């Protein structure tokens, strides 16, 4: 029976260990799909108003800031895609897993939506995955203390599939 596996990636060492673990486990086995899932954030709005009292000048400044911010976001997304997701894809290639088995999904959260665990849980449910794999620790110890770990929340809320936490 072929399985669908979701791997949550944040670029941390433990998330890359999760990739390596799955690649080692599935190498030589039939798996219908491995999805590399990354959640990124749109940066907060820098300026709603540039501070000019001249409306035309204000509009031009806002348009310029919007264009610069859009370029910055695309640059960051491309870097993430190249550095994290392509590196993860290569791990599977190195283990002999066919490219068509591995897909990539990126979800962009607005600044007000900062719950990565909920995004992973929703993707796992909507995608009908048989297993979710993530690294044990991607967040800083301080953030984990304040908000709880993503892996703990995913493990607690997913009951329809296996959850592998790799450290």
Foldseek 3Di string as FASTA:
>chain_A
DAFEEEQEDDPDPQSLVLLLVVLVVCQVHHHQAYEYEYEEEQDADPDPFPPDPDPVVRVVVVVVSVVVSVVVVVVVVVCCCVVPVVVSLVSNVVSVHDSVRYHYYYHYDYPVPDQPLVVQLVCCVVVVGQEYEYEPDDDDPVVCVVPNDSLVSNVVPDDNHYYHYGD
